[in-house]
PDB file of all heavy atoms in Angstrom:
ATOM      1  N   ARG A   1      -5.670  33.110 -38.852  1.00  0.00           N
ATOM      2  CA  ARG A   1      -4.276  32.882 -38.647  1.00  0.00           C
ATOM      3  C   ARG A   1      -3.522  32.935 -40.008  1.00  0.00           C
ATOM      4  O   ARG A   1      -4.156  32.778 -41.061  1.00  0.00           O
ATOM      5  CB  ARG A   1      -4.036  31.497 -37.995  1.00  0.00           C
ATOM      6  CG  ARG A   1      -4.804  31.333 -36.672  1.00  0.00           C
ATOM      7  CD  ARG A   1      -4.423  32.363 -35.629  1.00  0.00           C
ATOM      8  NE  ARG A   1      -2.961  32.350 -35.389  1.00  0.00           N
ATOM      9  CZ  ARG A   1      -2.243  33.424 -35.097  1.00  0.00           C
ATOM     10  NH1 ARG A   1      -2.836  34.611 -35.020  1.00  0.00           N
ATOM     11  NH2 ARG A   1      -0.931  33.302 -34.900  1.00  0.00           N
ATOM     12  N   PRO A   2      -2.227  33.133 -39.980  1.00  0.00           N
ATOM     13  CA  PRO A   2      -1.485  33.165 -41.246  1.00  0.00           C
ATOM     14  C   PRO A   2      -1.663  31.934 -42.122  1.00  0.00           C
ATOM     15  O   PRO A   2      -1.572  32.006 -43.339  1.00  0.00           O
ATOM     16  CB  PRO A   2      -0.007  33.319 -40.760  1.00  0.00           C
ATOM     17  CG  PRO A   2      -0.119  33.993 -39.439  1.00  0.00           C
ATOM     18  CD  PRO A   2      -1.401  33.465 -38.823  1.00  0.00           C
ATOM     19  N   SER A   3      -1.985  30.809 -41.473  1.00  0.00           N
ATOM     20  CA  SER A   3      -2.192  29.568 -42.217  1.00  0.00           C
ATOM     21  C   SER A   3      -3.475  29.588 -43.023  1.00  0.00           C
ATOM     22  O   SER A   3      -3.716  28.740 -43.895  1.00  0.00           O
ATOM     23  CB  SER A   3      -2.186  28.370 -41.261  1.00  0.00           C
ATOM     24  OG  SER A   3      -3.306  28.506 -40.366  1.00  0.00           O
ATOM     25  N   GLY A   4      -4.373  30.528 -42.683  1.00  0.00           N
ATOM     26  CA  GLY A   4      -5.659  30.584 -43.354  1.00  0.00           C
ATOM     27  C   GLY A   4      -6.833  30.055 -42.536  1.00  0.00           C
ATOM     28  O   GLY A   4      -7.995  30.296 -42.872  1.00  0.00           O
ATOM     29  N   ILE A   5      -6.530  29.336 -41.459  1.00  0.00           N
ATOM     30  CA  ILE A   5      -7.616  28.845 -40.614  1.00  0.00           C
ATOM     31  C   ILE A   5      -8.184  30.004 -39.800  1.00  0.00           C
ATOM     32  O   ILE A   5      -7.500  31.024 -39.587  1.00  0.00           O
ATOM     33  CB  ILE A   5      -7.149  27.697 -39.660  1.00  0.00           C
ATOM     34  CG1 ILE A   5      -6.052  28.193 -38.701  1.00  0.00           C
ATOM     35  CG2 ILE A   5      -6.710  26.495 -40.441  1.00  0.00           C
ATOM     36  CD1 ILE A   5      -5.681  27.211 -37.609  1.00  0.00           C
ATOM     37  N   GLN A   6      -9.422  29.856 -39.350  1.00  0.00           N
ATOM     38  CA  GLN A   6     -10.063  30.845 -38.520  1.00  0.00           C
ATOM     39  C   GLN A   6     -10.229  30.214 -37.132  1.00  0.00           C
ATOM     40  O   GLN A   6     -10.794  29.122 -36.993  1.00  0.00           O
ATOM     41  CB  GLN A   6     -11.413  31.271 -39.088  1.00  0.00           C
ATOM     42  CG  GLN A   6     -11.986  32.523 -38.434  1.00  0.00           C
ATOM     43  CD  GLN A   6     -13.300  32.934 -39.094  1.00  0.00           C
ATOM     44  OE1 GLN A   6     -13.902  32.152 -39.812  1.00  0.00           O
ATOM     45  NE2 GLN A   6     -13.754  34.139 -38.825  1.00  0.00           N
ATOM     46  N   VAL A   7      -9.750  30.905 -36.114  1.00  0.00           N
ATOM     47  CA  VAL A   7      -9.725  30.365 -34.737  1.00  0.00           C
ATOM     48  C   VAL A   7     -10.590  31.260 -33.832  1.00  0.00           C
ATOM     49  O   VAL A   7     -10.550  32.488 -33.924  1.00  0.00           O
ATOM     50  CB  VAL A   7      -8.289  30.313 -34.217  1.00  0.00           C
ATOM     51  CG1 VAL A   7      -8.233  29.797 -32.778  1.00  0.00           C
ATOM     52  CG2 VAL A   7      -7.435  29.454 -35.118  1.00  0.00           C
ATOM     53  N   GLY A   8     -11.333  30.647 -32.921  1.00  0.00           N
ATOM     54  CA  GLY A   8     -12.093  31.417 -31.951  1.00  0.00           C
ATOM     55  C   GLY A   8     -12.424  30.542 -30.755  1.00  0.00           C
ATOM     56  O   GLY A   8     -11.866  29.461 -30.557  1.00  0.00           O
ATOM     57  N   LYS A   9     -13.322  31.055 -29.919  1.00  0.00           N
ATOM     58  CA  LYS A   9     -13.730  30.334 -28.709  1.00  0.00           C
ATOM     59  C   LYS A   9     -15.242  30.226 -28.651  1.00  0.00           C
ATOM     60  O   LYS A   9     -15.961  31.126 -29.053  1.00  0.00           O
ATOM     61  CB  LYS A   9     -13.219  31.069 -27.454  1.00  0.00           C
ATOM     62  CG  LYS A   9     -11.709  30.946 -27.232  1.00  0.00           C
ATOM     63  CD  LYS A   9     -11.320  31.597 -25.939  1.00  0.00           C
ATOM     64  CE  LYS A   9      -9.841  31.347 -25.652  1.00  0.00           C
ATOM     65  NZ  LYS A   9      -9.445  31.931 -24.343  1.00  0.00           N
ATOM     66  N   MET A  10     -15.728  29.088 -28.154  1.00  0.00           N
ATOM     67  CA  MET A  10     -17.167  28.850 -27.966  1.00  0.00           C
ATOM     68  C   MET A  10     -17.415  28.552 -26.518  1.00  0.00           C
ATOM     69  O   MET A  10     -16.718  27.734 -25.886  1.00  0.00           O
ATOM     70  CB  MET A  10     -17.645  27.698 -28.817  1.00  0.00           C
ATOM     71  CG  MET A  10     -19.119  27.341 -28.611  1.00  0.00           C
ATOM     72  SD  MET A  10     -19.645  25.900 -29.562  1.00  0.00           S
ATOM     73  CE  MET A  10     -19.825  26.625 -31.191  1.00  0.00           C
ATOM     74  N   ARG A  11     -18.470  29.177 -25.935  1.00  0.00           N
ATOM     75  CA  ARG A  11     -18.813  28.942 -24.543  1.00  0.00           C
ATOM     76  C   ARG A  11     -19.689  27.672 -24.417  1.00  0.00           C
ATOM     77  O   ARG A  11     -20.654  27.513 -25.162  1.00  0.00           O
ATOM     78  CB  ARG A  11     -19.571  30.156 -23.970  1.00  0.00           C
ATOM     79  CG  ARG A  11     -19.641  30.165 -22.473  1.00  0.00           C
ATOM     80  CD  ARG A  11     -19.954  31.535 -21.904  1.00  0.00           C
ATOM     81  NE  ARG A  11     -18.831  32.433 -22.025  1.00  0.00           N
ATOM     82  CZ  ARG A  11     -17.747  32.427 -21.248  1.00  0.00           C
ATOM     83  NH1 ARG A  11     -17.635  31.514 -20.296  1.00  0.00           N
ATOM     84  NH2 ARG A  11     -16.816  33.321 -21.397  1.00  0.00           N
ATOM     85  N   VAL A  12     -19.274  26.798 -23.496  1.00  0.00           N
ATOM     86  CA  VAL A  12     -19.958  25.483 -23.331  1.00  0.00           C
ATOM     87  C   VAL A  12     -20.202  25.225 -21.860  1.00  0.00           C
ATOM     88  O   VAL A  12     -19.542  25.778 -21.004  1.00  0.00           O
ATOM     89  CB  VAL A  12     -19.071  24.364 -23.952  1.00  0.00           C
ATOM     90  CG1 VAL A  12     -18.925  24.547 -25.417  1.00  0.00           C
ATOM     91  CG2 VAL A  12     -17.693  24.338 -23.254  1.00  0.00           C
ATOM     92  N   PRO A  13     -21.194  24.356 -21.553  1.00  0.00           N
ATOM     93  CA  PRO A  13     -21.448  23.989 -20.170  1.00  0.00           C
ATOM     94  C   PRO A  13     -20.252  23.250 -19.533  1.00  0.00           C
ATOM     95  O   PRO A  13     -19.455  22.655 -20.243  1.00  0.00           O
ATOM     96  CB  PRO A  13     -22.665  23.075 -20.254  1.00  0.00           C
ATOM     97  CG  PRO A  13     -23.287  23.319 -21.589  1.00  0.00           C
ATOM     98  CD  PRO A  13     -22.141  23.715 -22.497  1.00  0.00           C
ATOM     99  N   LEU A  14     -20.191  23.302 -18.205  1.00  0.00           N
ATOM    100  CA  LEU A  14     -19.167  22.498 -17.525  1.00  0.00           C
ATOM    101  C   LEU A  14     -19.490  21.032 -17.519  1.00  0.00           C
ATOM    102  O   LEU A  14     -18.603  20.210 -17.542  1.00  0.00           O
ATOM    103  CB  LEU A  14     -19.036  23.012 -16.063  1.00  0.00           C
ATOM    104  CG  LEU A  14     -18.553  24.453 -15.831  1.00  0.00           C
ATOM    105  CD1 LEU A  14     -18.559  24.803 -14.388  1.00  0.00           C
ATOM    106  CD2 LEU A  14     -17.161  24.659 -16.460  1.00  0.00           C
ATOM    107  N   GLY A  15     -20.805  20.701 -17.495  1.00  0.00           N
ATOM    108  CA  GLY A  15     -21.200  19.286 -17.539  1.00  0.00           C
ATOM    109  C   GLY A  15     -22.129  18.940 -16.443  1.00  0.00           C
ATOM    110  O   GLY A  15     -23.335  19.237 -16.499  1.00  0.00           O
ATOM    111  N   VAL A  16     -21.626  18.346 -15.363  1.00  0.00           N
ATOM    112  CA  VAL A  16     -22.409  18.004 -14.179  1.00  0.00           C
ATOM    113  C   VAL A  16     -21.855  18.789 -12.998  1.00  0.00           C
ATOM    114  O   VAL A  16     -20.666  18.688 -12.687  1.00  0.00           O
ATOM    115  CB  VAL A  16     -22.380  16.493 -13.872  1.00  0.00           C
ATOM    116  CG1 VAL A  16     -23.159  16.168 -12.605  1.00  0.00           C
ATOM    117  CG2 VAL A  16     -22.922  15.688 -15.045  1.00  0.00           C
ATOM    118  N   VAL A  17     -22.723  19.504 -12.351  1.00  0.00           N
ATOM    119  CA  VAL A  17     -22.336  20.332 -11.185  1.00  0.00           C
ATOM    120  C   VAL A  17     -22.958  19.719  -9.929  1.00  0.00           C
ATOM    121  O   VAL A  17     -24.158  19.517  -9.850  1.00  0.00           O
ATOM    122  CB  VAL A  17     -22.817  21.814 -11.360  1.00  0.00           C
ATOM    123  CG1 VAL A  17     -22.404  22.645 -10.155  1.00  0.00           C
ATOM    124  CG2 VAL A  17     -22.263  22.411 -12.655  1.00  0.00           C
ATOM    125  N   GLY A  18     -22.101  19.456  -8.967  1.00  0.00           N
ATOM    126  CA  GLY A  18     -22.592  18.990  -7.638  1.00  0.00           C
ATOM    127  C   GLY A  18     -22.581  20.139  -6.676  1.00  0.00           C
ATOM    128  O   GLY A  18     -21.564  20.813  -6.544  1.00  0.00           O
ATOM    129  N   ILE A  19     -23.702  20.358  -6.030  1.00  0.00           N
ATOM    130  CA  ILE A  19     -23.829  21.497  -5.097  1.00  0.00           C
ATOM    131  C   ILE A  19     -24.183  20.967  -3.743  1.00  0.00           C
ATOM    132  O   ILE A  19     -25.155  20.236  -3.550  1.00  0.00           O
ATOM    133  CB  ILE A  19     -24.850  22.500  -5.599  1.00  0.00           C
ATOM    134  CG1 ILE A  19     -24.434  23.014  -7.001  1.00  0.00           C
ATOM    135  CG2 ILE A  19     -24.960  23.658  -4.646  1.00  0.00           C
ATOM    136  CD1 ILE A  19     -25.517  23.614  -7.803  1.00  0.00           C
ATOM    137  N   ILE A  20     -23.389  21.335  -2.739  1.00  0.00           N
ATOM    138  CA  ILE A  20     -23.555  20.893  -1.363  1.00  0.00           C
ATOM    139  C   ILE A  20     -23.772  22.148  -0.534  1.00  0.00           C
ATOM    140  O   ILE A  20     -22.975  23.039  -0.516  1.00  0.00           O
ATOM    141  CB  ILE A  20     -22.339  20.090  -0.869  1.00  0.00           C
ATOM    142  CG1 ILE A  20     -22.080  18.887  -1.754  1.00  0.00           C
ATOM    143  CG2 ILE A  20     -22.496  19.678   0.598  1.00  0.00           C
ATOM    144  CD1 ILE A  20     -20.710  18.346  -1.686  1.00  0.00           C
ATOM    145  N   TYR A  21     -24.893  22.200   0.197  1.00  0.00           N
ATOM    146  CA  TYR A  21     -25.220  23.429   0.923  1.00  0.00           C
ATOM    147  C   TYR A  21     -25.922  23.115   2.192  1.00  0.00           C
ATOM    148  O   TYR A  21     -26.460  22.015   2.407  1.00  0.00           O
ATOM    149  CB  TYR A  21     -26.061  24.329   0.012  1.00  0.00           C
ATOM    150  CG  TYR A  21     -27.303  23.683  -0.625  1.00  0.00           C
ATOM    151  CD1 TYR A  21     -28.550  23.902  -0.092  1.00  0.00           C
ATOM    152  CD2 TYR A  21     -27.153  22.853  -1.720  1.00  0.00           C
ATOM    153  CE1 TYR A  21     -29.677  23.294  -0.692  1.00  0.00           C
ATOM    154  CE2 TYR A  21     -28.248  22.251  -2.313  1.00  0.00           C
ATOM    155  CZ  TYR A  21     -29.511  22.467  -1.776  1.00  0.00           C
ATOM    156  OH  TYR A  21     -30.604  21.876  -2.351  1.00  0.00           O
ATOM    157  N   GLU A  22     -25.939  24.091   3.084  1.00  0.00           N
ATOM    158  CA  GLU A  22     -26.547  23.948   4.390  1.00  0.00           C
ATOM    159  C   GLU A  22     -27.718  24.925   4.525  1.00  0.00           C
ATOM    160  O   GLU A  22     -27.695  26.048   3.970  1.00  0.00           O
ATOM    161  CB  GLU A  22     -25.538  24.242   5.508  1.00  0.00           C
ATOM    162  CG  GLU A  22     -24.400  23.236   5.539  1.00  0.00           C
ATOM    163  CD  GLU A  22     -23.311  23.619   6.534  1.00  0.00           C
ATOM    164  OE1 GLU A  22     -23.209  24.824   6.836  1.00  0.00           O
ATOM    165  OE2 GLU A  22     -22.600  22.740   7.006  1.00  0.00           O
ATOM    166  N   SER A  23     -28.725  24.535   5.247  1.00  0.00           N
ATOM    167  CA  SER A  23     -29.783  25.436   5.753  1.00  0.00           C
ATOM    168  C   SER A  23     -30.699  26.031   4.679  1.00  0.00           C
ATOM    169  O   SER A  23     -31.864  25.754   4.668  1.00  0.00           O
ATOM    170  CB  SER A  23     -29.179  26.553   6.599  1.00  0.00           C
ATOM    171  OG  SER A  23     -28.435  26.045   7.647  1.00  0.00           O
ATOM    172  N   ARG A  24     -30.148  26.876   3.812  1.00  0.00           N
ATOM    173  CA  ARG A  24     -31.019  27.729   2.987  1.00  0.00           C
ATOM    174  C   ARG A  24     -31.644  26.952   1.862  1.00  0.00           C
ATOM    175  O   ARG A  24     -31.032  26.715   0.822  1.00  0.00           O
ATOM    176  CB  ARG A  24     -30.209  28.912   2.432  1.00  0.00           C
ATOM    177  CG  ARG A  24     -29.747  29.888   3.467  1.00  0.00           C
ATOM    178  CD  ARG A  24     -28.839  30.927   2.872  1.00  0.00           C
ATOM    179  NE  ARG A  24     -29.466  31.589   1.727  1.00  0.00           N
ATOM    180  CZ  ARG A  24     -28.780  32.227   0.809  1.00  0.00           C
ATOM    181  NH1 ARG A  24     -27.480  32.249   0.826  1.00  0.00           N
ATOM    182  NH2 ARG A  24     -29.423  32.800  -0.195  1.00  0.00           N
ATOM    183  N   PRO A  25     -32.958  26.562   2.000  1.00  0.00           N
ATOM    184  CA  PRO A  25     -33.574  25.787   0.946  1.00  0.00           C
ATOM    185  C   PRO A  25     -33.800  26.537  -0.346  1.00  0.00           C
ATOM    186  O   PRO A  25     -33.953  25.913  -1.401  1.00  0.00           O
ATOM    187  CB  PRO A  25     -34.911  25.359   1.571  1.00  0.00           C
ATOM    188  CG  PRO A  25     -35.153  26.330   2.689  1.00  0.00           C
ATOM    189  CD  PRO A  25     -33.802  26.742   3.183  1.00  0.00           C
ATOM    190  N   ASN A  26     -33.820  27.875  -0.319  1.00  0.00           N
ATOM    191  CA  ASN A  26     -33.970  28.629  -1.556  1.00  0.00           C
ATOM    192  C   ASN A  26     -32.795  28.392  -2.502  1.00  0.00           C
ATOM    193  O   ASN A  26     -32.922  28.600  -3.735  1.00  0.00           O
ATOM    194  CB  ASN A  26     -34.179  30.133  -1.306  1.00  0.00           C
ATOM    195  CG  ASN A  26     -33.102  30.727  -0.454  1.00  0.00           C
ATOM    196  OD1 ASN A  26     -32.702  30.144   0.551  1.00  0.00           O
ATOM    197  ND2 ASN A  26     -32.624  31.903  -0.815  1.00  0.00           N
ATOM    198  N   VAL A  27     -31.664  27.911  -1.964  1.00  0.00           N
ATOM    199  CA  VAL A  27     -30.529  27.563  -2.823  1.00  0.00           C
ATOM    200  C   VAL A  27     -30.917  26.453  -3.806  1.00  0.00           C
ATOM    201  O   VAL A  27     -30.414  26.395  -4.904  1.00  0.00           O
ATOM    202  CB  VAL A  27     -29.313  27.139  -1.982  1.00  0.00           C
ATOM    203  CG1 VAL A  27     -28.177  26.614  -2.832  1.00  0.00           C
ATOM    204  CG2 VAL A  27     -28.823  28.326  -1.136  1.00  0.00           C
ATOM    205  N   THR A  28     -31.824  25.576  -3.402  1.00  0.00           N
ATOM    206  CA  THR A  28     -32.253  24.469  -4.287  1.00  0.00           C
ATOM    207  C   THR A  28     -32.775  25.026  -5.602  1.00  0.00           C
ATOM    208  O   THR A  28     -32.406  24.567  -6.694  1.00  0.00           O
ATOM    209  CB  THR A  28     -33.327  23.642  -3.567  1.00  0.00           C
ATOM    210  OG1 THR A  28     -32.827  23.137  -2.322  1.00  0.00           O
ATOM    211  CG2 THR A  28     -33.789  22.482  -4.424  1.00  0.00           C
ATOM    212  N   ALA A  29     -33.624  26.024  -5.516  1.00  0.00           N
ATOM    213  CA  ALA A  29     -34.207  26.595  -6.750  1.00  0.00           C
ATOM    214  C   ALA A  29     -33.203  27.448  -7.485  1.00  0.00           C
ATOM    215  O   ALA A  29     -33.111  27.412  -8.712  1.00  0.00           O
ATOM    216  CB  ALA A  29     -35.465  27.421  -6.404  1.00  0.00           C
ATOM    217  N   GLU A  30     -32.401  28.246  -6.732  1.00  0.00           N
ATOM    218  CA  GLU A  30     -31.422  29.105  -7.393  1.00  0.00           C
ATOM    219  C   GLU A  30     -30.388  28.236  -8.194  1.00  0.00           C
ATOM    220  O   GLU A  30     -30.070  28.518  -9.323  1.00  0.00           O
ATOM    221  CB  GLU A  30     -30.640  29.918  -6.320  1.00  0.00           C
ATOM    222  CG  GLU A  30     -31.440  31.014  -5.690  1.00  0.00           C
ATOM    223  CD  GLU A  30     -30.624  31.764  -4.649  1.00  0.00           C
ATOM    224  OE1 GLU A  30     -29.450  31.424  -4.468  1.00  0.00           O
ATOM    225  OE2 GLU A  30     -31.186  32.666  -4.009  1.00  0.00           O
ATOM    226  N   ALA A  31     -29.903  27.192  -7.528  1.00  0.00           N
ATOM    227  CA  ALA A  31     -28.901  26.333  -8.149  1.00  0.00           C
ATOM    228  C   ALA A  31     -29.476  25.630  -9.375  1.00  0.00           C
ATOM    229  O   ALA A  31     -28.834  25.522 -10.403  1.00  0.00           O
ATOM    230  CB  ALA A  31     -28.404  25.318  -7.102  1.00  0.00           C
ATOM    231  N   ALA A  32     -30.699  25.106  -9.191  1.00  0.00           N
ATOM    232  CA  ALA A  32     -31.343  24.405 -10.314  1.00  0.00           C
ATOM    233  C   ALA A  32     -31.504  25.329 -11.509  1.00  0.00           C
ATOM    234  O   ALA A  32     -31.221  24.960 -12.661  1.00  0.00           O
ATOM    235  CB  ALA A  32     -32.694  23.863  -9.868  1.00  0.00           C
ATOM    236  N   SER A  33     -31.942  26.547 -11.283  1.00  0.00           N
ATOM    237  CA  SER A  33     -32.190  27.502 -12.368  1.00  0.00           C
ATOM    238  C   SER A  33     -30.908  27.854 -13.106  1.00  0.00           C
ATOM    239  O   SER A  33     -30.879  27.875 -14.360  1.00  0.00           O
ATOM    240  CB  SER A  33     -32.858  28.761 -11.861  1.00  0.00           C
ATOM    241  OG  SER A  33     -32.011  29.550 -11.035  1.00  0.00           O
ATOM    242  N   LEU A  34     -29.844  28.140 -12.385  1.00  0.00           N
ATOM    243  CA  LEU A  34     -28.596  28.529 -13.024  1.00  0.00           C
ATOM    244  C   LEU A  34     -27.947  27.362 -13.759  1.00  0.00           C
ATOM    245  O   LEU A  34     -27.435  27.528 -14.869  1.00  0.00           O
ATOM    246  CB  LEU A  34     -27.644  29.135 -12.009  1.00  0.00           C
ATOM    247  CG  LEU A  34     -27.993  30.516 -11.513  1.00  0.00           C
ATOM    248  CD1 LEU A  34     -27.164  30.895 -10.306  1.00  0.00           C
ATOM    249  CD2 LEU A  34     -27.738  31.534 -12.619  1.00  0.00           C
ATOM    250  N   CYS A  35     -27.976  26.180 -13.163  1.00  0.00           N
ATOM    251  CA  CYS A  35     -27.424  25.023 -13.856  1.00  0.00           C
ATOM    252  C   CYS A  35     -28.209  24.708 -15.115  1.00  0.00           C
ATOM    253  O   CYS A  35     -27.626  24.475 -16.185  1.00  0.00           O
ATOM    254  CB  CYS A  35     -27.414  23.807 -12.920  1.00  0.00           C
ATOM    255  SG  CYS A  35     -26.189  23.927 -11.591  1.00  0.00           S
ATOM    256  N   LEU A  36     -29.527  24.774 -14.995  1.00  0.00           N
ATOM    257  CA  LEU A  36     -30.387  24.470 -16.146  1.00  0.00           C
ATOM    258  C   LEU A  36     -30.144  25.461 -17.298  1.00  0.00           C
ATOM    259  O   LEU A  36     -29.954  25.050 -18.441  1.00  0.00           O
ATOM    260  CB  LEU A  36     -31.825  24.506 -15.686  1.00  0.00           C
ATOM    261  CG  LEU A  36     -32.936  24.274 -16.731  1.00  0.00           C
ATOM    262  CD1 LEU A  36     -32.739  22.951 -17.451  1.00  0.00           C
ATOM    263  CD2 LEU A  36     -34.298  24.325 -16.080  1.00  0.00           C
ATOM    264  N   LYS A  37     -30.140  26.752 -16.979  1.00  0.00           N
ATOM    265  CA  LYS A  37     -29.973  27.757 -18.016  1.00  0.00           C
ATOM    266  C   LYS A  37     -28.594  27.668 -18.665  1.00  0.00           C
ATOM    267  O   LYS A  37     -28.439  27.938 -19.881  1.00  0.00           O
ATOM    268  CB  LYS A  37     -30.191  29.170 -17.427  1.00  0.00           C
ATOM    269  CG  LYS A  37     -30.151  30.329 -18.452  1.00  0.00           C
ATOM    270  CD  LYS A  37     -31.287  30.217 -19.474  1.00  0.00           C
ATOM    271  CE  LYS A  37     -31.213  31.331 -20.486  1.00  0.00           C
ATOM    272  NZ  LYS A  37     -32.137  32.460 -20.241  1.00  0.00           N
ATOM    273  N   SER A  38     -27.595  27.310 -17.917  1.00  0.00           N
ATOM    274  CA  SER A  38     -26.253  27.218 -18.461  1.00  0.00           C
ATOM    275  C   SER A  38     -25.925  25.863 -19.075  1.00  0.00           C
ATOM    276  O   SER A  38     -24.797  25.565 -19.416  1.00  0.00           O
ATOM    277  CB  SER A  38     -25.188  27.552 -17.397  1.00  0.00           C
ATOM    278  OG  SER A  38     -25.332  26.700 -16.256  1.00  0.00           O
ATOM    279  N   GLY A  39     -26.952  25.008 -19.144  1.00  0.00           N
ATOM    280  CA  GLY A  39     -26.836  23.715 -19.838  1.00  0.00           C
ATOM    281  C   GLY A  39     -26.155  22.630 -19.042  1.00  0.00           C
ATOM    282  O   GLY A  39     -25.703  21.619 -19.589  1.00  0.00           O
ATOM    283  N   ASN A  40     -26.076  22.795 -17.721  1.00  0.00           N
ATOM    284  CA  ASN A  40     -25.456  21.805 -16.849  1.00  0.00           C
ATOM    285  C   ASN A  40     -26.500  20.949 -16.143  1.00  0.00           C
ATOM    286  O   ASN A  40     -27.540  21.481 -15.697  1.00  0.00           O
ATOM    287  CB  ASN A  40     -24.610  22.492 -15.777  1.00  0.00           C
ATOM    288  CG  ASN A  40     -23.447  23.241 -16.350  1.00  0.00           C
ATOM    289  OD1 ASN A  40     -22.471  22.639 -16.796  1.00  0.00           O
ATOM    290  ND2 ASN A  40     -23.492  24.575 -16.336  1.00  0.00           N
ATOM    291  N   ALA A  41     -26.215  19.679 -15.973  1.00  0.00           N
ATOM    292  CA  ALA A  41     -26.995  18.853 -15.082  1.00  0.00           C
ATOM    293  C   ALA A  41     -26.537  19.123 -13.635  1.00  0.00           C
ATOM    294  O   ALA A  41     -25.380  19.516 -13.429  1.00  0.00           O
ATOM    295  CB  ALA A  41     -26.825  17.376 -15.384  1.00  0.00           C
ATOM    296  N   ALA A  42     -27.399  18.955 -12.674  1.00  0.00           N
ATOM    297  CA  ALA A  42     -27.069  19.265 -11.288  1.00  0.00           C
ATOM    298  C   ALA A  42     -27.471  18.130 -10.360  1.00  0.00           C
ATOM    299  O   ALA A  42     -28.507  17.504 -10.515  1.00  0.00           O
ATOM    300  CB  ALA A  42     -27.775  20.548 -10.854  1.00  0.00           C
ATOM    301  N   ILE A  43     -26.576  17.871  -9.396  1.00  0.00           N
ATOM    302  CA  ILE A  43     -26.869  17.007  -8.256  1.00  0.00           C
ATOM    303  C   ILE A  43     -26.803  17.894  -7.020  1.00  0.00           C
ATOM    304  O   ILE A  43     -25.758  18.461  -6.702  1.00  0.00           O
ATOM    305  CB  ILE A  43     -25.893  15.832  -8.150  1.00  0.00           C
ATOM    306  CG1 ILE A  43     -25.938  14.959  -9.413  1.00  0.00           C
ATOM    307  CG2 ILE A  43     -26.244  14.971  -6.912  1.00  0.00           C
ATOM    308  CD1 ILE A  43     -24.916  13.861  -9.418  1.00  0.00           C
TER     309      ILE A  43
END
């Protein structure tokens, strides 16, 4: 910036993700894997 500071963006986890789903138990593993890799805790 003209002031001399350097500005940017950093990607961060959302935090805690709650997932509510019906029937498909494979969602349990899919959801766990994506939350874990993206640094989120999951309920």
